[in-house]
Amino acid sequence: MGFREQLEGLVNSVDGAVAASVMGMDGIAIDTVEASASDDLLEIDIQTLLVEYTAILSQLVQAGEVLETGGLKQLAVETERLLTLSRRLTDEYYAVLAVLPDANYGKARYKLRIASSMLAAEL
């Protein structure tokens, strides 16, 4: 099963999911799947958002290395209109799941964790 199928399954398995992506630490998406209703639910450019969050993620990875706290495993960014969960797949790639604020946070984290192991295997 490829990236697209895994990402579609992730988006479809979480009510309120807006998008899922596999991103490189350089900010380039390998593949992104957006929920069909995401344009109606949210007027945010998901691709640009993910690129901007990559910069934040990269800074946190570097801070962890400098401070010797260990590698960053996951990051959650919650804003008024979107909850974005990121999980490292390898040193160069990470998976992202963006959901609406009223989505089930626990289920979203769980589904992303499960999908991440399969996505990492595809790399």
PDB file of N, CA and C in Angstrom:
ATOM      1  N   MET A   1       0.846  -1.170   0.000  1.00  0.00           N
ATOM      2  CA  MET A   1       0.000   0.000   0.000  1.00  0.00           C
ATOM      3  C   MET A   1       0.897   1.240   0.000  1.00  0.00           C
ATOM      4  N   GLY A   2       0.611   2.204  -0.869  1.00  0.00           N
ATOM      5  CA  GLY A   2       1.440   3.393  -1.004  1.00  0.00           C
ATOM      6  C   GLY A   2       1.032   4.526  -0.082  1.00  0.00           C
ATOM      7  N   PHE A   3       1.756   5.630  -0.214  1.00  0.00           N
ATOM      8  CA  PHE A   3       1.478   6.804   0.614  1.00  0.00           C
ATOM      9  C   PHE A   3       0.043   7.290   0.470  1.00  0.00           C
ATOM     10  N   ARG A   4      -0.411   7.395  -0.764  1.00  0.00           N
ATOM     11  CA  ARG A   4      -1.745   7.956  -1.010  1.00  0.00           C
ATOM     12  C   ARG A   4      -2.818   7.141  -0.293  1.00  0.00           C
ATOM     13  N   GLU A   5      -2.755   5.830  -0.404  1.00  0.00           N
ATOM     14  CA  GLU A   5      -3.757   4.980   0.232  1.00  0.00           C
ATOM     15  C   GLU A   5      -3.709   5.097   1.750  1.00  0.00           C
ATOM     16  N   GLN A   6      -2.497   5.143   2.305  1.00  0.00           N
ATOM     17  CA  GLN A   6      -2.346   5.291   3.749  1.00  0.00           C
ATOM     18  C   GLN A   6      -2.918   6.625   4.230  1.00  0.00           C
ATOM     19  N   LEU A   7      -2.610   7.694   3.502  1.00  0.00           N
ATOM     20  CA  LEU A   7      -3.087   9.024   3.885  1.00  0.00           C
ATOM     21  C   LEU A   7      -4.601   9.144   3.741  1.00  0.00           C
ATOM     22  N   GLU A   8      -5.143   8.559   2.670  1.00  0.00           N
ATOM     23  CA  GLU A   8      -6.604   8.563   2.502  1.00  0.00           C
ATOM     24  C   GLU A   8      -7.276   7.810   3.645  1.00  0.00           C
ATOM     25  N   GLY A   9      -6.716   6.668   4.017  1.00  0.00           N
ATOM     26  CA  GLY A   9      -7.264   5.898   5.127  1.00  0.00           C
ATOM     27  C   GLY A   9      -7.209   6.679   6.428  1.00  0.00           C
ATOM     28  N   LEU A  10      -6.135   7.419   6.633  1.00  0.00           N
ATOM     29  CA  LEU A  10      -5.990   8.234   7.836  1.00  0.00           C
ATOM     30  C   LEU A  10      -7.046   9.334   7.877  1.00  0.00           C
ATOM     31  N   VAL A  11      -7.197  10.059   6.788  1.00  0.00           N
ATOM     32  CA  VAL A  11      -8.195  11.141   6.724  1.00  0.00           C
ATOM     33  C   VAL A  11      -9.602  10.588   6.898  1.00  0.00           C
ATOM     34  N   ASN A  12      -9.872   9.461   6.285  1.00  0.00           N
ATOM     35  CA  ASN A  12     -11.225   8.887   6.354  1.00  0.00           C
ATOM     36  C   ASN A  12     -11.544   8.253   7.703  1.00  0.00           C
ATOM     37  N   SER A  13     -10.525   7.946   8.501  1.00  0.00           N
ATOM     38  CA  SER A  13     -10.765   7.255   9.769  1.00  0.00           C
ATOM     39  C   SER A  13     -10.978   8.202  10.954  1.00  0.00           C
ATOM     40  N   VAL A  14     -10.776   9.488  10.750  1.00  0.00           N
ATOM     41  CA  VAL A  14     -10.932  10.456  11.838  1.00  0.00           C
ATOM     42  C   VAL A  14     -11.966  11.500  11.440  1.00  0.00           C
ATOM     43  N   ASP A  15     -13.090  11.524  12.140  1.00  0.00           N
ATOM     44  CA  ASP A  15     -14.099  12.549  11.877  1.00  0.00           C
ATOM     45  C   ASP A  15     -13.495  13.917  12.159  1.00  0.00           C
ATOM     46  N   GLY A  16     -13.679  14.837  11.235  1.00  0.00           N
ATOM     47  CA  GLY A  16     -13.132  16.177  11.396  1.00  0.00           C
ATOM     48  C   GLY A  16     -11.741  16.336  10.821  1.00  0.00           C
ATOM     49  N   ALA A  17     -11.210  15.283  10.197  1.00  0.00           N
ATOM     50  CA  ALA A  17      -9.891  15.393   9.570  1.00  0.00           C
ATOM     51  C   ALA A  17      -9.980  16.316   8.371  1.00  0.00           C
ATOM     52  N   VAL A  18      -8.998  17.170   8.236  1.00  0.00           N
ATOM     53  CA  VAL A  18      -8.946  18.120   7.129  1.00  0.00           C
ATOM     54  C   VAL A  18      -7.925  17.673   6.089  1.00  0.00           C
ATOM     55  N   ALA A  19      -6.767  17.190   6.552  1.00  0.00           N
ATOM     56  CA  ALA A  19      -5.716  16.765   5.629  1.00  0.00           C
ATOM     57  C   ALA A  19      -4.712  15.875   6.351  1.00  0.00           C
ATOM     58  N   ALA A  20      -4.003  15.079   5.550  1.00  0.00           N
ATOM     59  CA  ALA A  20      -2.878  14.279   6.040  1.00  0.00           C
ATOM     60  C   ALA A  20      -1.779  14.361   4.989  1.00  0.00           C
ATOM     61  N   SER A  21      -0.536  14.342   5.462  1.00  0.00           N
ATOM     62  CA  SER A  21       0.572  14.506   4.530  1.00  0.00           C
ATOM     63  C   SER A  21       1.811  13.799   5.036  1.00  0.00           C
ATOM     64  N   VAL A  22       2.681  13.434   4.098  1.00  0.00           N
ATOM     65  CA  VAL A  22       4.039  13.023   4.401  1.00  0.00           C
ATOM     66  C   VAL A  22       4.916  14.134   3.857  1.00  0.00           C
ATOM     67  N   MET A  23       5.693  14.736   4.758  1.00  0.00           N
ATOM     68  CA  MET A  23       6.495  15.905   4.414  1.00  0.00           C
ATOM     69  C   MET A  23       7.971  15.614   4.641  1.00  0.00           C
ATOM     70  N   GLY A  24       8.789  16.262   3.837  1.00  0.00           N
ATOM     71  CA  GLY A  24      10.221  16.239   4.073  1.00  0.00           C
ATOM     72  C   GLY A  24      10.583  17.384   4.998  1.00  0.00           C
ATOM     73  N   MET A  25      11.688  17.256   5.698  1.00  0.00           N
ATOM     74  CA  MET A  25      12.131  18.330   6.587  1.00  0.00           C
ATOM     75  C   MET A  25      12.528  19.575   5.799  1.00  0.00           C
ATOM     76  N   ASP A  26      12.611  19.448   4.482  1.00  0.00           N
ATOM     77  CA  ASP A  26      12.882  20.607   3.634  1.00  0.00           C
ATOM     78  C   ASP A  26      11.611  21.362   3.270  1.00  0.00           C
ATOM     79  N   GLY A  27      10.454  20.880   3.748  1.00  0.00           N
ATOM     80  CA  GLY A  27       9.193  21.556   3.488  1.00  0.00           C
ATOM     81  C   GLY A  27       8.473  21.090   2.238  1.00  0.00           C
ATOM     82  N   ILE A  28       9.024  20.109   1.561  1.00  0.00           N
ATOM     83  CA  ILE A  28       8.405  19.598   0.337  1.00  0.00           C
ATOM     84  C   ILE A  28       7.563  18.371   0.684  1.00  0.00           C
ATOM     85  N   ALA A  29       6.315  18.413   0.270  1.00  0.00           N
ATOM     86  CA  ALA A  29       5.403  17.300   0.542  1.00  0.00           C
ATOM     87  C   ALA A  29       5.664  16.166  -0.440  1.00  0.00           C
ATOM     88  N   ILE A  30       5.752  14.949   0.085  1.00  0.00           N
ATOM     89  CA  ILE A  30       5.814  13.767  -0.778  1.00  0.00           C
ATOM     90  C   ILE A  30       4.421  13.498  -1.326  1.00  0.00           C
ATOM     91  N   ASP A  31       3.429  13.559  -0.438  1.00  0.00           N
ATOM     92  CA  ASP A  31       2.043  13.391  -0.846  1.00  0.00           C
ATOM     93  C   ASP A  31       1.143  13.993   0.228  1.00  0.00           C
ATOM     94  N   THR A  32       0.050  14.577  -0.198  1.00  0.00           N
ATOM     95  CA  THR A  32      -0.923  15.177   0.709  1.00  0.00           C
ATOM     96  C   THR A  32      -2.314  14.811   0.245  1.00  0.00           C
ATOM     97  N   VAL A  33      -3.166  14.449   1.198  1.00  0.00           N
ATOM     98  CA  VAL A  33      -4.567  14.158   0.913  1.00  0.00           C
ATOM     99  C   VAL A  33      -5.408  15.118   1.739  1.00  0.00           C
ATOM    100  N   GLU A  34      -6.298  15.833   1.075  1.00  0.00           N
ATOM    101  CA  GLU A  34      -7.210  16.728   1.774  1.00  0.00           C
ATOM    102  C   GLU A  34      -8.605  16.125   1.750  1.00  0.00           C
ATOM    103  N   ALA A  35      -9.328  16.289   2.860  1.00  0.00           N
ATOM    104  CA  ALA A  35     -10.707  15.802   2.922  1.00  0.00           C
ATOM    105  C   ALA A  35     -11.531  16.551   1.890  1.00  0.00           C
ATOM    106  N   SER A  36     -12.502  15.871   1.309  1.00  0.00           N
ATOM    107  CA  SER A  36     -13.292  16.481   0.239  1.00  0.00           C
ATOM    108  C   SER A  36     -14.045  17.718   0.698  1.00  0.00           C
ATOM    109  N   ALA A  37     -14.429  17.773   1.963  1.00  0.00           N
ATOM    110  CA  ALA A  37     -15.194  18.916   2.460  1.00  0.00           C
ATOM    111  C   ALA A  37     -14.298  19.965   3.112  1.00  0.00           C
ATOM    112  N   SER A  38     -12.983  19.791   3.055  1.00  0.00           N
ATOM    113  CA  SER A  38     -12.098  20.705   3.782  1.00  0.00           C
ATOM    114  C   SER A  38     -12.186  22.139   3.280  1.00  0.00           C
ATOM    115  N   ASP A  39     -12.406  22.333   1.976  1.00  0.00           N
ATOM    116  CA  ASP A  39     -12.517  23.694   1.457  1.00  0.00           C
ATOM    117  C   ASP A  39     -13.726  24.411   2.031  1.00  0.00           C
ATOM    118  N   ASP A  40     -14.804  23.672   2.216  1.00  0.00           N
ATOM    119  CA  ASP A  40     -16.003  24.276   2.770  1.00  0.00           C
ATOM    120  C   ASP A  40     -15.870  24.528   4.263  1.00  0.00           C
ATOM    121  N   LEU A  41     -15.129  23.672   4.960  1.00  0.00           N
ATOM    122  CA  LEU A  41     -15.008  23.774   6.413  1.00  0.00           C
ATOM    123  C   LEU A  41     -13.959  24.781   6.851  1.00  0.00           C
ATOM    124  N   LEU A  42     -12.950  24.973   6.052  1.00  0.00           N
ATOM    125  CA  LEU A  42     -11.797  25.733   6.488  1.00  0.00           C
ATOM    126  C   LEU A  42     -11.188  26.486   5.315  1.00  0.00           C
ATOM    127  N   GLU A  43     -11.047  27.766   5.446  1.00  0.00           N
ATOM    128  CA  GLU A  43     -10.467  28.564   4.363  1.00  0.00           C
ATOM    129  C   GLU A  43      -8.992  28.834   4.638  1.00  0.00           C
ATOM    130  N   ILE A  44      -8.230  27.764   4.777  1.00  0.00           N
ATOM    131  CA  ILE A  44      -6.796  27.852   5.033  1.00  0.00           C
ATOM    132  C   ILE A  44      -6.079  27.084   3.939  1.00  0.00           C
ATOM    133  N   ASP A  45      -5.002  27.661   3.429  1.00  0.00           N
ATOM    134  CA  ASP A  45      -4.177  26.985   2.432  1.00  0.00           C
ATOM    135  C   ASP A  45      -3.326  25.947   3.165  1.00  0.00           C
ATOM    136  N   ILE A  46      -3.774  24.703   3.125  1.00  0.00           N
ATOM    137  CA  ILE A  46      -3.126  23.624   3.872  1.00  0.00           C
ATOM    138  C   ILE A  46      -1.673  23.444   3.442  1.00  0.00           C
ATOM    139  N   GLN A  47      -1.400  23.512   2.153  1.00  0.00           N
ATOM    140  CA  GLN A  47      -0.026  23.312   1.673  1.00  0.00           C
ATOM    141  C   GLN A  47       0.923  24.349   2.269  1.00  0.00           C
ATOM    142  N   THR A  48       0.509  25.606   2.269  1.00  0.00           N
ATOM    143  CA  THR A  48       1.345  26.664   2.831  1.00  0.00           C
ATOM    144  C   THR A  48       1.501  26.488   4.330  1.00  0.00           C
ATOM    145  N   LEU A  49       0.429  26.123   4.998  1.00  0.00           N
ATOM    146  CA  LEU A  49       0.477  25.888   6.443  1.00  0.00           C
ATOM    147  C   LEU A  49       1.501  24.815   6.780  1.00  0.00           C
ATOM    148  N   LEU A  50       1.495  23.715   6.034  1.00  0.00           N
ATOM    149  CA  LEU A  50       2.418  22.613   6.305  1.00  0.00           C
ATOM    150  C   LEU A  50       3.868  23.030   6.071  1.00  0.00           C
ATOM    151  N   VAL A  51       4.100  23.829   5.057  1.00  0.00           N
ATOM    152  CA  VAL A  51       5.459  24.313   4.800  1.00  0.00           C
ATOM    153  C   VAL A  51       5.927  25.196   5.956  1.00  0.00           C
ATOM    154  N   GLU A  52       5.064  26.077   6.423  1.00  0.00           N
ATOM    155  CA  GLU A  52       5.424  26.963   7.540  1.00  0.00           C
ATOM    156  C   GLU A  52       5.666  26.164   8.820  1.00  0.00           C
ATOM    157  N   TYR A  53       4.855  25.156   9.070  1.00  0.00           N
ATOM    158  CA  TYR A  53       5.044  24.332  10.267  1.00  0.00           C
ATOM    159  C   TYR A  53       6.324  23.511  10.185  1.00  0.00           C
ATOM    160  N   THR A  54       6.782  23.205   8.981  1.00  0.00           N
ATOM    161  CA  THR A  54       8.043  22.485   8.823  1.00  0.00           C
ATOM    162  C   THR A  54       9.193  23.303   9.390  1.00  0.00           C
ATOM    163  N   ALA A  55       9.154  24.604   9.181  1.00  0.00           N
ATOM    164  CA  ALA A  55      10.207  25.473   9.715  1.00  0.00           C
ATOM    165  C   ALA A  55      10.235  25.401  11.241  1.00  0.00           C
ATOM    166  N   ILE A  56       9.057  25.398  11.858  1.00  0.00           N
ATOM    167  CA  ILE A  56       8.964  25.297  13.317  1.00  0.00           C
ATOM    168  C   ILE A  56       9.486  23.939  13.777  1.00  0.00           C
ATOM    169  N   LEU A  57       9.061  22.896  13.092  1.00  0.00           N
ATOM    170  CA  LEU A  57       9.493  21.545  13.434  1.00  0.00           C
ATOM    171  C   LEU A  57      11.014  21.420  13.339  1.00  0.00           C
ATOM    172  N   SER A  58      11.595  21.977  12.305  1.00  0.00           N
ATOM    173  CA  SER A  58      13.055  21.929  12.127  1.00  0.00           C
ATOM    174  C   SER A  58      13.772  22.628  13.272  1.00  0.00           C
ATOM    175  N   GLN A  59      13.232  23.768  13.704  1.00  0.00           N
ATOM    176  CA  GLN A  59      13.851  24.491  14.822  1.00  0.00           C
ATOM    177  C   GLN A  59      13.780  23.681  16.113  1.00  0.00           C
ATOM    178  N   LEU A  60      12.666  23.000  16.334  1.00  0.00           N
ATOM    179  CA  LEU A  60      12.531  22.170  17.530  1.00  0.00           C
ATOM    180  C   LEU A  60      13.470  20.970  17.501  1.00  0.00           C
ATOM    181  N   VAL A  61      13.655  20.390  16.323  1.00  0.00           N
ATOM    182  CA  VAL A  61      14.607  19.279  16.178  1.00  0.00           C
ATOM    183  C   VAL A  61      16.005  19.759  16.527  1.00  0.00           C
ATOM    184  N   GLN A  62      16.397  20.914  16.006  1.00  0.00           N
ATOM    185  CA  GLN A  62      17.720  21.467  16.296  1.00  0.00           C
ATOM    186  C   GLN A  62      17.875  21.793  17.777  1.00  0.00           C
ATOM    187  N   ALA A  63      16.846  22.364  18.381  1.00  0.00           N
ATOM    188  CA  ALA A  63      16.901  22.697  19.807  1.00  0.00           C
ATOM    189  C   ALA A  63      17.085  21.430  20.636  1.00  0.00           C
ATOM    190  N   GLY A  64      16.388  20.367  20.272  1.00  0.00           N
ATOM    191  CA  GLY A  64      16.533  19.102  20.987  1.00  0.00           C
ATOM    192  C   GLY A  64      17.936  18.554  20.895  1.00  0.00           C
ATOM    193  N   GLU A  65      18.566  18.724  19.733  1.00  0.00           N
ATOM    194  CA  GLU A  65      19.940  18.258  19.561  1.00  0.00           C
ATOM    195  C   GLU A  65      20.907  19.088  20.397  1.00  0.00           C
ATOM    196  N   VAL A  66      20.749  20.405  20.358  1.00  0.00           N
ATOM    197  CA  VAL A  66      21.640  21.295  21.113  1.00  0.00           C
ATOM    198  C   VAL A  66      21.490  21.062  22.611  1.00  0.00           C
ATOM    199  N   LEU A  67      20.265  20.896  23.065  1.00  0.00           N
ATOM    200  CA  LEU A  67      20.003  20.720  24.492  1.00  0.00           C
ATOM    201  C   LEU A  67      20.129  19.270  24.951  1.00  0.00           C
ATOM    202  N   GLU A  68      20.396  18.376  23.998  1.00  0.00           N
ATOM    203  CA  GLU A  68      20.582  16.948  24.268  1.00  0.00           C
ATOM    204  C   GLU A  68      19.387  16.328  24.985  1.00  0.00           C
ATOM    205  N   THR A  69      18.188  16.685  24.533  1.00  0.00           N
ATOM    206  CA  THR A  69      16.971  16.119  25.119  1.00  0.00           C
ATOM    207  C   THR A  69      16.483  14.898  24.353  1.00  0.00           C
ATOM    208  N   GLY A  70      17.138  14.588  23.256  1.00  0.00           N
ATOM    209  CA  GLY A  70      16.712  13.469  22.424  1.00  0.00           C
ATOM    210  C   GLY A  70      15.937  13.971  21.212  1.00  0.00           C
ATOM    211  N   GLY A  71      15.664  13.064  20.318  1.00  0.00           N
ATOM    212  CA  GLY A  71      14.977  13.418  19.090  1.00  0.00           C
ATOM    213  C   GLY A  71      13.505  13.738  19.302  1.00  0.00           C
ATOM    214  N   LEU A  72      13.012  14.675  18.533  1.00  0.00           N
ATOM    215  CA  LEU A  72      11.600  15.040  18.575  1.00  0.00           C
ATOM    216  C   LEU A  72      10.777  13.900  17.982  1.00  0.00           C
ATOM    217  N   LYS A  73       9.757  13.463  18.699  1.00  0.00           N
ATOM    218  CA  LYS A  73       8.917  12.371  18.236  1.00  0.00           C
ATOM    219  C   LYS A  73       7.605  12.879  17.652  1.00  0.00           C
ATOM    220  N   GLN A  74       6.969  13.817  18.369  1.00  0.00           N
ATOM    221  CA  GLN A  74       5.704  14.340  17.853  1.00  0.00           C
ATOM    222  C   GLN A  74       5.505  15.760  18.326  1.00  0.00           C
ATOM    223  N   LEU A  75       4.640  16.467  17.615  1.00  0.00           N
ATOM    224  CA  LEU A  75       4.345  17.855  17.926  1.00  0.00           C
ATOM    225  C   LEU A  75       2.877  18.101  17.637  1.00  0.00           C
ATOM    226  N   ALA A  76       2.215  18.811  18.535  1.00  0.00           N
ATOM    227  CA  ALA A  76       0.822  19.204  18.328  1.00  0.00           C
ATOM    228  C   ALA A  76       0.749  20.717  18.386  1.00  0.00           C
ATOM    229  N   VAL A  77       0.118  21.301  17.377  1.00  0.00           N
ATOM    230  CA  VAL A  77      -0.098  22.743  17.339  1.00  0.00           C
ATOM    231  C   VAL A  77      -1.600  22.954  17.274  1.00  0.00           C
ATOM    232  N   GLU A  78      -2.140  23.569  18.321  1.00  0.00           N
ATOM    233  CA  GLU A  78      -3.579  23.808  18.384  1.00  0.00           C
ATOM    234  C   GLU A  78      -3.840  25.297  18.273  1.00  0.00           C
ATOM    235  N   THR A  79      -4.610  25.669  17.262  1.00  0.00           N
ATOM    236  CA  THR A  79      -5.052  27.045  17.090  1.00  0.00           C
ATOM    237  C   THR A  79      -6.571  27.065  17.205  1.00  0.00           C
ATOM    238  N   GLU A  80      -7.152  28.225  17.090  1.00  0.00           N
ATOM    239  CA  GLU A  80      -8.605  28.326  17.216  1.00  0.00           C
ATOM    240  C   GLU A  80      -9.351  27.532  16.146  1.00  0.00           C
ATOM    241  N   ARG A  81      -8.756  27.408  14.959  1.00  0.00           N
ATOM    242  CA  ARG A  81      -9.468  26.795  13.843  1.00  0.00           C
ATOM    243  C   ARG A  81      -8.923  25.457  13.391  1.00  0.00           C
ATOM    244  N   LEU A  82      -7.789  25.014  13.960  1.00  0.00           N
ATOM    245  CA  LEU A  82      -7.168  23.790  13.452  1.00  0.00           C
ATOM    246  C   LEU A  82      -6.228  23.193  14.498  1.00  0.00           C
ATOM    247  N   LEU A  83      -6.232  21.880  14.580  1.00  0.00           N
ATOM    248  CA  LEU A  83      -5.280  21.134  15.399  1.00  0.00           C
ATOM    249  C   LEU A  83      -4.414  20.337  14.430  1.00  0.00           C
ATOM    250  N   THR A  84      -3.116  20.576  14.484  1.00  0.00           N
ATOM    251  CA  THR A  84      -2.193  19.908  13.575  1.00  0.00           C
ATOM    252  C   THR A  84      -1.255  19.024  14.377  1.00  0.00           C
ATOM    253  N   LEU A  85      -1.285  17.730  14.087  1.00  0.00           N
ATOM    254  CA  LEU A  85      -0.441  16.742  14.758  1.00  0.00           C
ATOM    255  C   LEU A  85       0.655  16.301  13.797  1.00  0.00           C
ATOM    256  N   SER A  86       1.891  16.323  14.265  1.00  0.00           N
ATOM    257  CA  SER A  86       3.028  15.908  13.447  1.00  0.00           C
ATOM    258  C   SER A  86       3.769  14.799  14.170  1.00  0.00           C
ATOM    259  N   ARG A  87       4.239  13.837  13.408  1.00  0.00           N
ATOM    260  CA  ARG A  87       4.975  12.704  13.989  1.00  0.00           C
ATOM    261  C   ARG A  87       6.152  12.377  13.076  1.00  0.00           C
ATOM    262  N   ARG A  88       7.354  12.295  13.655  1.00  0.00           N
ATOM    263  CA  ARG A  88       8.557  11.988  12.883  1.00  0.00           C
ATOM    264  C   ARG A  88       8.505  10.558  12.373  1.00  0.00           C
ATOM    265  N   LEU A  89       8.845  10.389  11.105  1.00  0.00           N
ATOM    266  CA  LEU A  89       8.936   9.063  10.503  1.00  0.00           C
ATOM    267  C   LEU A  89      10.389   8.608  10.447  1.00  0.00           C
ATOM    268  N   THR A  90      11.250   9.510   9.985  1.00  0.00           N
ATOM    269  CA  THR A  90      12.693   9.282   9.907  1.00  0.00           C
ATOM    270  C   THR A  90      13.357  10.616  10.227  1.00  0.00           C
ATOM    271  N   ASP A  91      14.671  10.674  10.109  1.00  0.00           N
ATOM    272  CA  ASP A  91      15.365  11.942  10.326  1.00  0.00           C
ATOM    273  C   ASP A  91      14.981  12.984   9.277  1.00  0.00           C
ATOM    274  N   GLU A  92      14.535  12.541   8.119  1.00  0.00           N
ATOM    275  CA  GLU A  92      14.243  13.459   7.019  1.00  0.00           C
ATOM    276  C   GLU A  92      12.762  13.656   6.712  1.00  0.00           C
ATOM    277  N   TYR A  93      11.893  12.847   7.294  1.00  0.00           N
ATOM    278  CA  TYR A  93      10.472  12.902   6.951  1.00  0.00           C
ATOM    279  C   TYR A  93       9.586  12.827   8.180  1.00  0.00           C
ATOM    280  N   TYR A  94       8.400  13.416   8.047  1.00  0.00           N
ATOM    281  CA  TYR A  94       7.414  13.329   9.109  1.00  0.00           C
ATOM    282  C   TYR A  94       6.013  13.264   8.510  1.00  0.00           C
ATOM    283  N   ALA A  95       5.080  12.778   9.299  1.00  0.00           N
ATOM    284  CA  ALA A  95       3.675  12.691   8.888  1.00  0.00           C
ATOM    285  C   ALA A  95       2.883  13.745   9.653  1.00  0.00           C
ATOM    286  N   VAL A  96       1.852  14.265   8.998  1.00  0.00           N
ATOM    287  CA  VAL A  96       1.014  15.304   9.597  1.00  0.00           C
ATOM    288  C   VAL A  96      -0.449  14.916   9.427  1.00  0.00           C
ATOM    289  N   LEU A  97      -1.234  15.191  10.461  1.00  0.00           N
ATOM    290  CA  LEU A  97      -2.679  15.047  10.392  1.00  0.00           C
ATOM    291  C   LEU A  97      -3.280  16.333  10.935  1.00  0.00           C
ATOM    292  N   ALA A  98      -4.053  17.019  10.125  1.00  0.00           N
ATOM    293  CA  ALA A  98      -4.720  18.258  10.535  1.00  0.00           C
ATOM    294  C   ALA A  98      -6.204  17.963  10.706  1.00  0.00           C
ATOM    295  N   VAL A  99      -6.745  18.351  11.860  1.00  0.00           N
ATOM    296  CA  VAL A  99      -8.151  18.097  12.173  1.00  0.00           C
ATOM    297  C   VAL A  99      -8.798  19.378  12.697  1.00  0.00           C
ATOM    298  N   LEU A 100     -10.111  19.410  12.636  1.00  0.00           N
ATOM    299  CA  LEU A 100     -10.853  20.522  13.207  1.00  0.00           C
ATOM    300  C   LEU A 100     -10.773  20.465  14.729  1.00  0.00           C
ATOM    301  N   PRO A 101     -10.930  21.591  15.403  1.00  0.00           N
ATOM    302  CA  PRO A 101     -10.775  21.615  16.865  1.00  0.00           C
ATOM    303  C   PRO A 101     -11.734  20.701  17.628  1.00  0.00           C
ATOM    304  N   ASP A 102     -12.898  20.417  17.069  1.00  0.00           N
ATOM    305  CA  ASP A 102     -13.855  19.565  17.776  1.00  0.00           C
ATOM    306  C   ASP A 102     -13.678  18.075  17.457  1.00  0.00           C
ATOM    307  N   ALA A 103     -12.635  17.737  16.706  1.00  0.00           N
ATOM    308  CA  ALA A 103     -12.364  16.331  16.396  1.00  0.00           C
ATOM    309  C   ALA A 103     -11.866  15.629  17.661  1.00  0.00           C
ATOM    310  N   ASN A 104     -11.923  14.323  17.646  1.00  0.00           N
ATOM    311  CA  ASN A 104     -11.460  13.520  18.775  1.00  0.00           C
ATOM    312  C   ASN A 104      -9.928  13.486  18.752  1.00  0.00           C
ATOM    313  N   TYR A 105      -9.319  14.287  19.626  1.00  0.00           N
ATOM    314  CA  TYR A 105      -7.863  14.427  19.677  1.00  0.00           C
ATOM    315  C   TYR A 105      -7.175  13.088  19.933  1.00  0.00           C
ATOM    316  N   GLY A 106      -7.683  12.319  20.884  1.00  0.00           N
ATOM    317  CA  GLY A 106      -7.081  11.030  21.204  1.00  0.00           C
ATOM    318  C   GLY A 106      -7.101  10.073  20.035  1.00  0.00           C
ATOM    319  N   LYS A 107      -8.220  10.007  19.349  1.00  0.00           N
ATOM    320  CA  LYS A 107      -8.325   9.127  18.191  1.00  0.00           C
ATOM    321  C   LYS A 107      -7.388   9.596  17.080  1.00  0.00           C
ATOM    322  N   ALA A 108      -7.313  10.903  16.879  1.00  0.00           N
ATOM    323  CA  ALA A 108      -6.429  11.442  15.844  1.00  0.00           C
ATOM    324  C   ALA A 108      -4.974  11.084  16.140  1.00  0.00           C
ATOM    325  N   ARG A 109      -4.536  11.254  17.383  1.00  0.00           N
ATOM    326  CA  ARG A 109      -3.170  10.892  17.774  1.00  0.00           C
ATOM    327  C   ARG A 109      -2.915   9.405  17.572  1.00  0.00           C
ATOM    328  N   TYR A 110      -3.869   8.578  17.980  1.00  0.00           N
ATOM    329  CA  TYR A 110      -3.731   7.127  17.854  1.00  0.00           C
ATOM    330  C   TYR A 110      -3.631   6.720  16.375  1.00  0.00           C
ATOM    331  N   LYS A 111      -4.542   7.216  15.557  1.00  0.00           N
ATOM    332  CA  LYS A 111      -4.539   6.848  14.136  1.00  0.00           C
ATOM    333  C   LYS A 111      -3.263   7.322  13.448  1.00  0.00           C
ATOM    334  N   LEU A 112      -2.770   8.504  13.825  1.00  0.00           N
ATOM    335  CA  LEU A 112      -1.521   8.990  13.240  1.00  0.00           C
ATOM    336  C   LEU A 112      -0.350   8.110  13.662  1.00  0.00           C
ATOM    337  N   ARG A 113      -0.324   7.688  14.924  1.00  0.00           N
ATOM    338  CA  ARG A 113       0.750   6.817  15.402  1.00  0.00           C
ATOM    339  C   ARG A 113       0.761   5.492  14.652  1.00  0.00           C
ATOM    340  N   ILE A 114      -0.409   4.908  14.473  1.00  0.00           N
ATOM    341  CA  ILE A 114      -0.512   3.633  13.755  1.00  0.00           C
ATOM    342  C   ILE A 114      -0.105   3.803  12.288  1.00  0.00           C
ATOM    343  N   ALA A 115      -0.612   4.847  11.646  1.00  0.00           N
ATOM    344  CA  ALA A 115      -0.297   5.089  10.243  1.00  0.00           C
ATOM    345  C   ALA A 115       1.186   5.404  10.062  1.00  0.00           C
ATOM    346  N   SER A 116       1.793   6.062  11.043  1.00  0.00           N
ATOM    347  CA  SER A 116       3.199   6.461  10.913  1.00  0.00           C
ATOM    348  C   SER A 116       4.135   5.278  10.743  1.00  0.00           C
ATOM    349  N   SER A 117       3.865   4.200  11.450  1.00  0.00           N
ATOM    350  CA  SER A 117       4.733   3.031  11.297  1.00  0.00           C
ATOM    351  C   SER A 117       4.638   2.452   9.889  1.00  0.00           C
ATOM    352  N   MET A 118       3.431   2.467   9.328  1.00  0.00           N
ATOM    353  CA  MET A 118       3.265   1.963   7.957  1.00  0.00           C
ATOM    354  C   MET A 118       3.855   2.935   6.938  1.00  0.00           C
ATOM    355  N   LEU A 119       3.698   4.236   7.181  1.00  0.00           N
ATOM    356  CA  LEU A 119       4.273   5.232   6.268  1.00  0.00           C
ATOM    357  C   LEU A 119       5.798   5.164   6.296  1.00  0.00           C
ATOM    358  N   ALA A 120       6.367   5.000   7.482  1.00  0.00           N
ATOM    359  CA  ALA A 120       7.813   4.902   7.600  1.00  0.00           C
ATOM    360  C   ALA A 120       8.347   3.694   6.836  1.00  0.00           C
ATOM    361  N   ALA A 121       7.591   2.604   6.845  1.00  0.00           N
ATOM    362  CA  ALA A 121       8.001   1.405   6.121  1.00  0.00           C
ATOM    363  C   ALA A 121       8.033   1.644   4.617  1.00  0.00           C
ATOM    364  N   GLU A 122       7.212   2.575   4.126  1.00  0.00           N
ATOM    365  CA  GLU A 122       7.188   2.895   2.692  1.00  0.00           C
ATOM    366  C   GLU A 122       8.399   3.715   2.264  1.00  0.00           C
ATOM    367  N   LEU A 123       9.027   4.391   3.231  1.00  0.00           N
ATOM    368  CA  LEU A 123      10.188   5.207   2.902  1.00  0.00           C
ATOM    369  C   LEU A 123      11.360   4.294   2.715  1.00  0.00           C
TER     370      LEU A 123
END
